[in-house]
Amino acid sequence: MENPDKRTVGYRNRTNVTRKSTDVMIDMLKQALTYADSARYVLFDSWFCFPGILLKIKGLGLHTIAMMKSMKTVKYNYQGKTS
């Protein structure tokens, strides 16, 4: 397809496939906040639980509930405890 119609949902979905899933997630959260400004928490599994992602979500004014990854190179601090 040489000149796809960029106004369609299909075109937007195809462009999202080529982007990092975490970037798509942040964009989707921003879009959701325009419709549901009362949201305060984001709930997800450990697949997205990286410090950079958590900081981006916090930058949107949201808190995160997630299962933490067990990684040797990443340490988390919570209420003065390191894990």
PDB file of N, CA and C in Angstrom:
ATOM      1  N   MET A   1       0.849  -1.163   0.000  1.00  0.00           N
ATOM      2  CA  MET A   1       0.000   0.000   0.000  1.00  0.00           C
ATOM      3  C   MET A   1       0.904   1.237   0.000  1.00  0.00           C
ATOM      4  N   GLU A   2       0.839   2.035  -1.029  1.00  0.00           N
ATOM      5  CA  GLU A   2       1.731   3.181  -1.157  1.00  0.00           C
ATOM      6  C   GLU A   2       1.308   4.374  -0.314  1.00  0.00           C
ATOM      7  N   ASN A   3       0.070   4.766  -0.389  1.00  0.00           N
ATOM      8  CA  ASN A   3      -0.414   5.942   0.334  1.00  0.00           C
ATOM      9  C   ASN A   3      -1.562   5.550   1.267  1.00  0.00           C
ATOM     10  N   PRO A   4      -1.244   5.027   2.445  1.00  0.00           N
ATOM     11  CA  PRO A   4      -2.322   4.647   3.359  1.00  0.00           C
ATOM     12  C   PRO A   4      -3.027   5.875   3.929  1.00  0.00           C
ATOM     13  N   ASP A   5      -4.280   5.710   4.265  1.00  0.00           N
ATOM     14  CA  ASP A   5      -5.065   6.793   4.853  1.00  0.00           C
ATOM     15  C   ASP A   5      -4.656   6.936   6.320  1.00  0.00           C
ATOM     16  N   LYS A   6      -3.987   8.020   6.662  1.00  0.00           N
ATOM     17  CA  LYS A   6      -3.446   8.212   8.004  1.00  0.00           C
ATOM     18  C   LYS A   6      -4.501   8.578   9.030  1.00  0.00           C
ATOM     19  N   ARG A   7      -5.741   8.730   8.627  1.00  0.00           N
ATOM     20  CA  ARG A   7      -6.815   9.072   9.559  1.00  0.00           C
ATOM     21  C   ARG A   7      -7.457   7.845  10.184  1.00  0.00           C
ATOM     22  N   THR A   8      -7.118   6.662   9.730  1.00  0.00           N
ATOM     23  CA  THR A   8      -7.810   5.462  10.187  1.00  0.00           C
ATOM     24  C   THR A   8      -7.175   4.892  11.451  1.00  0.00           C
ATOM     25  N   VAL A   9      -7.975   4.136  12.186  1.00  0.00           N
ATOM     26  CA  VAL A   9      -7.488   3.448  13.374  1.00  0.00           C
ATOM     27  C   VAL A   9      -6.453   2.388  12.982  1.00  0.00           C
ATOM     28  N   GLY A  10      -6.661   1.739  11.870  1.00  0.00           N
ATOM     29  CA  GLY A  10      -5.724   0.726  11.395  1.00  0.00           C
ATOM     30  C   GLY A  10      -4.338   1.295  11.156  1.00  0.00           C
ATOM     31  N   TYR A  11      -4.271   2.490  10.607  1.00  0.00           N
ATOM     32  CA  TYR A  11      -2.971   3.126  10.373  1.00  0.00           C
ATOM     33  C   TYR A  11      -2.273   3.400  11.703  1.00  0.00           C
ATOM     34  N   ARG A  12      -3.020   3.927  12.679  1.00  0.00           N
ATOM     35  CA  ARG A  12      -2.420   4.194  13.998  1.00  0.00           C
ATOM     36  C   ARG A  12      -1.948   2.908  14.655  1.00  0.00           C
ATOM     37  N   ASN A  13      -2.708   1.834  14.523  1.00  0.00           N
ATOM     38  CA  ASN A  13      -2.300   0.549  15.093  1.00  0.00           C
ATOM     39  C   ASN A  13      -1.027   0.030  14.431  1.00  0.00           C
ATOM     40  N   ARG A  14      -0.932   0.184  13.113  1.00  0.00           N
ATOM     41  CA  ARG A  14       0.278  -0.277  12.411  1.00  0.00           C
ATOM     42  C   ARG A  14       1.508   0.525  12.820  1.00  0.00           C
ATOM     43  N   THR A  15       1.344   1.819  13.062  1.00  0.00           N
ATOM     44  CA  THR A  15       2.499   2.617  13.499  1.00  0.00           C
ATOM     45  C   THR A  15       2.912   2.256  14.921  1.00  0.00           C
ATOM     46  N   ASN A  16       1.969   1.872  15.752  1.00  0.00           N
ATOM     47  CA  ASN A  16       2.311   1.470  17.124  1.00  0.00           C
ATOM     48  C   ASN A  16       3.103   0.176  17.164  1.00  0.00           C
ATOM     49  N   VAL A  17       2.929  -0.674  16.182  1.00  0.00           N
ATOM     50  CA  VAL A  17       3.646  -1.951  16.146  1.00  0.00           C
ATOM     51  C   VAL A  17       5.145  -1.728  16.033  1.00  0.00           C
ATOM     52  N   THR A  18       5.562  -0.657  15.389  1.00  0.00           N
ATOM     53  CA  THR A  18       6.983  -0.403  15.186  1.00  0.00           C
ATOM     54  C   THR A  18       7.623   0.334  16.359  1.00  0.00           C
ATOM     55  N   ARG A  19       6.834   0.762  17.332  1.00  0.00           N
ATOM     56  CA  ARG A  19       7.356   1.488  18.493  1.00  0.00           C
ATOM     57  C   ARG A  19       7.565   0.550  19.676  1.00  0.00           C
ATOM     58  N   LYS A  20       8.349   1.003  20.643  1.00  0.00           N
ATOM     59  CA  LYS A  20       8.543   0.227  21.864  1.00  0.00           C
ATOM     60  C   LYS A  20       7.217   0.149  22.615  1.00  0.00           C
ATOM     61  N   SER A  21       6.915  -1.005  23.166  1.00  0.00           N
ATOM     62  CA  SER A  21       5.635  -1.190  23.849  1.00  0.00           C
ATOM     63  C   SER A  21       5.501  -0.279  25.065  1.00  0.00           C
ATOM     64  N   THR A  22       6.605   0.020  25.730  1.00  0.00           N
ATOM     65  CA  THR A  22       6.525   0.905  26.891  1.00  0.00           C
ATOM     66  C   THR A  22       6.194   2.341  26.470  1.00  0.00           C
ATOM     67  N   ASP A  23       6.676   2.783  25.318  1.00  0.00           N
ATOM     68  CA  ASP A  23       6.329   4.112  24.818  1.00  0.00           C
ATOM     69  C   ASP A  23       4.857   4.180  24.432  1.00  0.00           C
ATOM     70  N   VAL A  24       4.361   3.115  23.834  1.00  0.00           N
ATOM     71  CA  VAL A  24       2.937   3.046  23.479  1.00  0.00           C
ATOM     72  C   VAL A  24       2.090   3.081  24.755  1.00  0.00           C
ATOM     73  N   MET A  25       2.549   2.378  25.800  1.00  0.00           N
ATOM     74  CA  MET A  25       1.817   2.348  27.066  1.00  0.00           C
ATOM     75  C   MET A  25       1.705   3.751  27.656  1.00  0.00           C
ATOM     76  N   ILE A  26       2.802   4.507  27.671  1.00  0.00           N
ATOM     77  CA  ILE A  26       2.781   5.863  28.226  1.00  0.00           C
ATOM     78  C   ILE A  26       1.833   6.750  27.419  1.00  0.00           C
ATOM     79  N   ASP A  27       1.866   6.641  26.102  1.00  0.00           N
ATOM     80  CA  ASP A  27       0.948   7.419  25.263  1.00  0.00           C
ATOM     81  C   ASP A  27      -0.502   7.048  25.529  1.00  0.00           C
ATOM     82  N   MET A  28      -0.768   5.769  25.736  1.00  0.00           N
ATOM     83  CA  MET A  28      -2.137   5.326  26.028  1.00  0.00           C
ATOM     84  C   MET A  28      -2.595   5.846  27.390  1.00  0.00           C
ATOM     85  N   LEU A  29      -1.684   5.887  28.356  1.00  0.00           N
ATOM     86  CA  LEU A  29      -2.030   6.432  29.667  1.00  0.00           C
ATOM     87  C   LEU A  29      -2.359   7.918  29.564  1.00  0.00           C
ATOM     88  N   LYS A  30      -1.572   8.660  28.781  1.00  0.00           N
ATOM     89  CA  LYS A  30      -1.850  10.086  28.582  1.00  0.00           C
ATOM     90  C   LYS A  30      -3.221  10.290  27.951  1.00  0.00           C
ATOM     91  N   GLN A  31      -3.531   9.455  26.969  1.00  0.00           N
ATOM     92  CA  GLN A  31      -4.835   9.556  26.313  1.00  0.00           C
ATOM     93  C   GLN A  31      -5.953   9.206  27.287  1.00  0.00           C
ATOM     94  N   ALA A  32      -5.752   8.178  28.094  1.00  0.00           N
ATOM     95  CA  ALA A  32      -6.778   7.785  29.061  1.00  0.00           C
ATOM     96  C   ALA A  32      -7.014   8.883  30.094  1.00  0.00           C
ATOM     97  N   LEU A  33      -5.961   9.603  30.473  1.00  0.00           N
ATOM     98  CA  LEU A  33      -6.116  10.667  31.460  1.00  0.00           C
ATOM     99  C   LEU A  33      -6.948  11.826  30.933  1.00  0.00           C
ATOM    100  N   THR A  34      -6.997  12.004  29.624  1.00  0.00           N
ATOM    101  CA  THR A  34      -7.833  13.071  29.075  1.00  0.00           C
ATOM    102  C   THR A  34      -9.317  12.736  29.224  1.00  0.00           C
ATOM    103  N   TYR A  35      -9.642  11.450  29.311  1.00  0.00           N
ATOM    104  CA  TYR A  35     -11.029  11.013  29.450  1.00  0.00           C
ATOM    105  C   TYR A  35     -11.401  10.667  30.880  1.00  0.00           C
ATOM    106  N   ALA A  36     -10.450  10.205  31.664  1.00  0.00           N
ATOM    107  CA  ALA A  36     -10.718   9.770  33.040  1.00  0.00           C
ATOM    108  C   ALA A  36      -9.724  10.460  33.967  1.00  0.00           C
ATOM    109  N   ASP A  37      -9.946  11.727  34.211  1.00  0.00           N
ATOM    110  CA  ASP A  37      -8.999  12.491  35.014  1.00  0.00           C
ATOM    111  C   ASP A  37      -9.033  12.124  36.498  1.00  0.00           C
ATOM    112  N   SER A  38      -9.943  11.262  36.911  1.00  0.00           N
ATOM    113  CA  SER A  38     -10.005  10.852  38.310  1.00  0.00           C
ATOM    114  C   SER A  38      -9.123   9.637  38.597  1.00  0.00           C
ATOM    115  N   ALA A  39      -8.478   9.088  37.595  1.00  0.00           N
ATOM    116  CA  ALA A  39      -7.606   7.924  37.804  1.00  0.00           C
ATOM    117  C   ALA A  39      -6.405   8.343  38.633  1.00  0.00           C
ATOM    118  N   ARG A  40      -6.027   7.482  39.586  1.00  0.00           N
ATOM    119  CA  ARG A  40      -4.872   7.779  40.426  1.00  0.00           C
ATOM    120  C   ARG A  40      -3.841   6.658  40.417  1.00  0.00           C
ATOM    121  N   TYR A  41      -4.235   5.465  39.981  1.00  0.00           N
ATOM    122  CA  TYR A  41      -3.346   4.313  40.028  1.00  0.00           C
ATOM    123  C   TYR A  41      -3.286   3.606  38.682  1.00  0.00           C
ATOM    124  N   VAL A  42      -2.144   2.972  38.420  1.00  0.00           N
ATOM    125  CA  VAL A  42      -1.971   2.112  37.256  1.00  0.00           C
ATOM    126  C   VAL A  42      -1.584   0.742  37.791  1.00  0.00           C
ATOM    127  N   LEU A  43      -2.278  -0.276  37.356  1.00  0.00           N
ATOM    128  CA  LEU A  43      -2.022  -1.643  37.796  1.00  0.00           C
ATOM    129  C   LEU A  43      -1.506  -2.459  36.625  1.00  0.00           C
ATOM    130  N   PHE A  44      -0.351  -3.110  36.790  1.00  0.00           N
ATOM    131  CA  PHE A  44       0.175  -3.974  35.742  1.00  0.00           C
ATOM    132  C   PHE A  44       1.091  -5.028  36.334  1.00  0.00           C
ATOM    133  N   ASP A  45       1.487  -5.969  35.511  1.00  0.00           N
ATOM    134  CA  ASP A  45       2.324  -7.082  35.923  1.00  0.00           C
ATOM    135  C   ASP A  45       3.798  -6.677  35.863  1.00  0.00           C
ATOM    136  N   SER A  46       4.659  -7.582  36.245  1.00  0.00           N
ATOM    137  CA  SER A  46       6.090  -7.301  36.339  1.00  0.00           C
ATOM    138  C   SER A  46       6.744  -7.029  34.986  1.00  0.00           C
ATOM    139  N   TRP A  47       6.081  -7.355  33.898  1.00  0.00           N
ATOM    140  CA  TRP A  47       6.680  -7.169  32.582  1.00  0.00           C
ATOM    141  C   TRP A  47       7.038  -5.707  32.342  1.00  0.00           C
ATOM    142  N   PHE A  48       6.241  -4.770  32.866  1.00  0.00           N
ATOM    143  CA  PHE A  48       6.485  -3.341  32.690  1.00  0.00           C
ATOM    144  C   PHE A  48       7.212  -2.703  33.866  1.00  0.00           C
ATOM    145  N   CYS A  49       7.530  -3.448  34.886  1.00  0.00           N
ATOM    146  CA  CYS A  49       8.058  -2.877  36.129  1.00  0.00           C
ATOM    147  C   CYS A  49       9.565  -2.627  36.045  1.00  0.00           C
ATOM    148  N   PHE A  50       9.915  -1.519  35.417  1.00  0.00           N
ATOM    149  CA  PHE A  50      11.297  -1.050  35.348  1.00  0.00           C
ATOM    150  C   PHE A  50      11.345   0.348  35.953  1.00  0.00           C
ATOM    151  N   PRO A  51      12.450   0.721  36.577  1.00  0.00           N
ATOM    152  CA  PRO A  51      12.526   2.046  37.217  1.00  0.00           C
ATOM    153  C   PRO A  51      12.185   3.198  36.267  1.00  0.00           C
ATOM    154  N   GLY A  52      12.649   3.166  35.034  1.00  0.00           N
ATOM    155  CA  GLY A  52      12.357   4.242  34.091  1.00  0.00           C
ATOM    156  C   GLY A  52      10.872   4.379  33.801  1.00  0.00           C
ATOM    157  N   ILE A  53      10.194   3.255  33.668  1.00  0.00           N
ATOM    158  CA  ILE A  53       8.747   3.263  33.407  1.00  0.00           C
ATOM    159  C   ILE A  53       8.000   3.788  34.622  1.00  0.00           C
ATOM    160  N   LEU A  54       8.419   3.347  35.812  1.00  0.00           N
ATOM    161  CA  LEU A  54       7.768   3.811  37.036  1.00  0.00           C
ATOM    162  C   LEU A  54       7.908   5.323  37.187  1.00  0.00           C
ATOM    163  N   LEU A  55       9.072   5.861  36.840  1.00  0.00           N
ATOM    164  CA  LEU A  55       9.282   7.310  36.926  1.00  0.00           C
ATOM    165  C   LEU A  55       8.434   8.066  35.899  1.00  0.00           C
ATOM    166  N   LYS A  56       8.294   7.518  34.704  1.00  0.00           N
ATOM    167  CA  LYS A  56       7.447   8.164  33.688  1.00  0.00           C
ATOM    168  C   LYS A  56       5.988   8.196  34.137  1.00  0.00           C
ATOM    169  N   ILE A  57       5.536   7.103  34.729  1.00  0.00           N
ATOM    170  CA  ILE A  57       4.149   7.044  35.212  1.00  0.00           C
ATOM    171  C   ILE A  57       3.955   8.019  36.366  1.00  0.00           C
ATOM    172  N   LYS A  58       4.933   8.094  37.260  1.00  0.00           N
ATOM    173  CA  LYS A  58       4.865   9.044  38.372  1.00  0.00           C
ATOM    174  C   LYS A  58       4.839  10.473  37.835  1.00  0.00           C
ATOM    175  N   GLY A  59       5.568  10.726  36.732  1.00  0.00           N
ATOM    176  CA  GLY A  59       5.566  12.042  36.108  1.00  0.00           C
ATOM    177  C   GLY A  59       4.205  12.440  35.557  1.00  0.00           C
ATOM    178  N   LEU A  60       3.361  11.458  35.280  1.00  0.00           N
ATOM    179  CA  LEU A  60       1.992  11.725  34.820  1.00  0.00           C
ATOM    180  C   LEU A  60       1.052  11.994  35.993  1.00  0.00           C
ATOM    181  N   GLY A  61       1.581  11.906  37.219  1.00  0.00           N
ATOM    182  CA  GLY A  61       0.761  12.130  38.404  1.00  0.00           C
ATOM    183  C   GLY A  61       0.021  10.894  38.867  1.00  0.00           C
ATOM    184  N   LEU A  62       0.480   9.725  38.463  1.00  0.00           N
ATOM    185  CA  LEU A  62      -0.168   8.477  38.828  1.00  0.00           C
ATOM    186  C   LEU A  62       0.737   7.638  39.728  1.00  0.00           C
ATOM    187  N   HIS A  63       0.120   6.834  40.549  1.00  0.00           N
ATOM    188  CA  HIS A  63       0.848   5.861  41.362  1.00  0.00           C
ATOM    189  C   HIS A  63       0.783   4.508  40.668  1.00  0.00           C
ATOM    190  N   THR A  64       1.701   3.623  41.031  1.00  0.00           N
ATOM    191  CA  THR A  64       1.788   2.330  40.368  1.00  0.00           C
ATOM    192  C   THR A  64       1.602   1.198  41.363  1.00  0.00           C
ATOM    193  N   ILE A  65       0.837   0.219  40.962  1.00  0.00           N
ATOM    194  CA  ILE A  65       0.719  -1.041  41.684  1.00  0.00           C
ATOM    195  C   ILE A  65       1.196  -2.105  40.714  1.00  0.00           C
ATOM    196  N   ALA A  66       2.303  -2.755  41.067  1.00  0.00           N
ATOM    197  CA  ALA A  66       2.872  -3.731  40.140  1.00  0.00           C
ATOM    198  C   ALA A  66       3.659  -4.780  40.908  1.00  0.00           C
ATOM    199  N   MET A  67       3.800  -5.918  40.300  1.00  0.00           N
ATOM    200  CA  MET A  67       4.669  -6.956  40.824  1.00  0.00           C
ATOM    201  C   MET A  67       6.087  -6.603  40.389  1.00  0.00           C
ATOM    202  N   MET A  68       7.014  -6.516  41.337  1.00  0.00           N
ATOM    203  CA  MET A  68       8.382  -6.120  41.011  1.00  0.00           C
ATOM    204  C   MET A  68       9.166  -7.288  40.444  1.00  0.00           C
ATOM    205  N   LYS A  69      10.047  -6.955  39.510  1.00  0.00           N
ATOM    206  CA  LYS A  69      10.942  -7.962  38.943  1.00  0.00           C
ATOM    207  C   LYS A  69      12.062  -8.240  39.935  1.00  0.00           C
ATOM    208  N   SER A  70      12.522  -9.449  39.953  1.00  0.00           N
ATOM    209  CA  SER A  70      13.683  -9.811  40.748  1.00  0.00           C
ATOM    210  C   SER A  70      14.897  -9.770  39.831  1.00  0.00           C
ATOM    211  N   MET A  71      15.646  -8.655  39.929  1.00  0.00           N
ATOM    212  CA  MET A  71      16.823  -8.482  39.079  1.00  0.00           C
ATOM    213  C   MET A  71      18.032  -8.194  39.964  1.00  0.00           C
ATOM    214  N   LYS A  72      19.161  -8.764  39.614  1.00  0.00           N
ATOM    215  CA  LYS A  72      20.377  -8.561  40.403  1.00  0.00           C
ATOM    216  C   LYS A  72      20.909  -7.144  40.274  1.00  0.00           C
ATOM    217  N   THR A  73      20.683  -6.494  39.149  1.00  0.00           N
ATOM    218  CA  THR A  73      21.264  -5.179  38.894  1.00  0.00           C
ATOM    219  C   THR A  73      20.370  -4.026  39.318  1.00  0.00           C
ATOM    220  N   VAL A  74      19.119  -4.281  39.692  1.00  0.00           N
ATOM    221  CA  VAL A  74      18.184  -3.217  40.057  1.00  0.00           C
ATOM    222  C   VAL A  74      17.738  -3.423  41.496  1.00  0.00           C
ATOM    223  N   LYS A  75      17.838  -2.368  42.274  1.00  0.00           N
ATOM    224  CA  LYS A  75      17.399  -2.395  43.675  1.00  0.00           C
ATOM    225  C   LYS A  75      16.286  -1.375  43.847  1.00  0.00           C
ATOM    226  N   TYR A  76      15.275  -1.728  44.619  1.00  0.00           N
ATOM    227  CA  TYR A  76      14.156  -0.846  44.891  1.00  0.00           C
ATOM    228  C   TYR A  76      14.192  -0.443  46.362  1.00  0.00           C
ATOM    229  N   ASN A  77      13.841   0.812  46.636  1.00  0.00           N
ATOM    230  CA  ASN A  77      13.728   1.306  47.999  1.00  0.00           C
ATOM    231  C   ASN A  77      12.272   1.609  48.294  1.00  0.00           C
ATOM    232  N   TYR A  78      11.808   1.132  49.436  1.00  0.00           N
ATOM    233  CA  TYR A  78      10.438   1.424  49.852  1.00  0.00           C
ATOM    234  C   TYR A  78      10.423   1.547  51.360  1.00  0.00           C
ATOM    235  N   GLN A  79      10.032   2.691  51.842  1.00  0.00           N
ATOM    236  CA  GLN A  79       9.958   2.990  53.270  1.00  0.00           C
ATOM    237  C   GLN A  79      11.261   2.629  53.987  1.00  0.00           C
ATOM    238  N   GLY A  80      12.357   3.010  53.376  1.00  0.00           N
ATOM    239  CA  GLY A  80      13.663   2.802  53.982  1.00  0.00           C
ATOM    240  C   GLY A  80      14.240   1.401  53.824  1.00  0.00           C
ATOM    241  N   LYS A  81      13.511   0.521  53.196  1.00  0.00           N
ATOM    242  CA  LYS A  81      13.989  -0.854  52.992  1.00  0.00           C
ATOM    243  C   LYS A  81      14.403  -1.045  51.540  1.00  0.00           C
ATOM    244  N   THR A  82      15.525  -1.719  51.333  1.00  0.00           N
ATOM    245  CA  THR A  82      16.018  -2.003  49.993  1.00  0.00           C
ATOM    246  C   THR A  82      15.808  -3.465  49.667  1.00  0.00           C
ATOM    247  N   SER A  83      15.299  -3.698  48.472  1.00  0.00           N
ATOM    248  CA  SER A  83      15.118  -5.090  48.046  1.00  0.00           C
ATOM    249  C   SER A  83      15.649  -5.275  46.646  1.00  0.00           C
TER     250      SER A  83
END
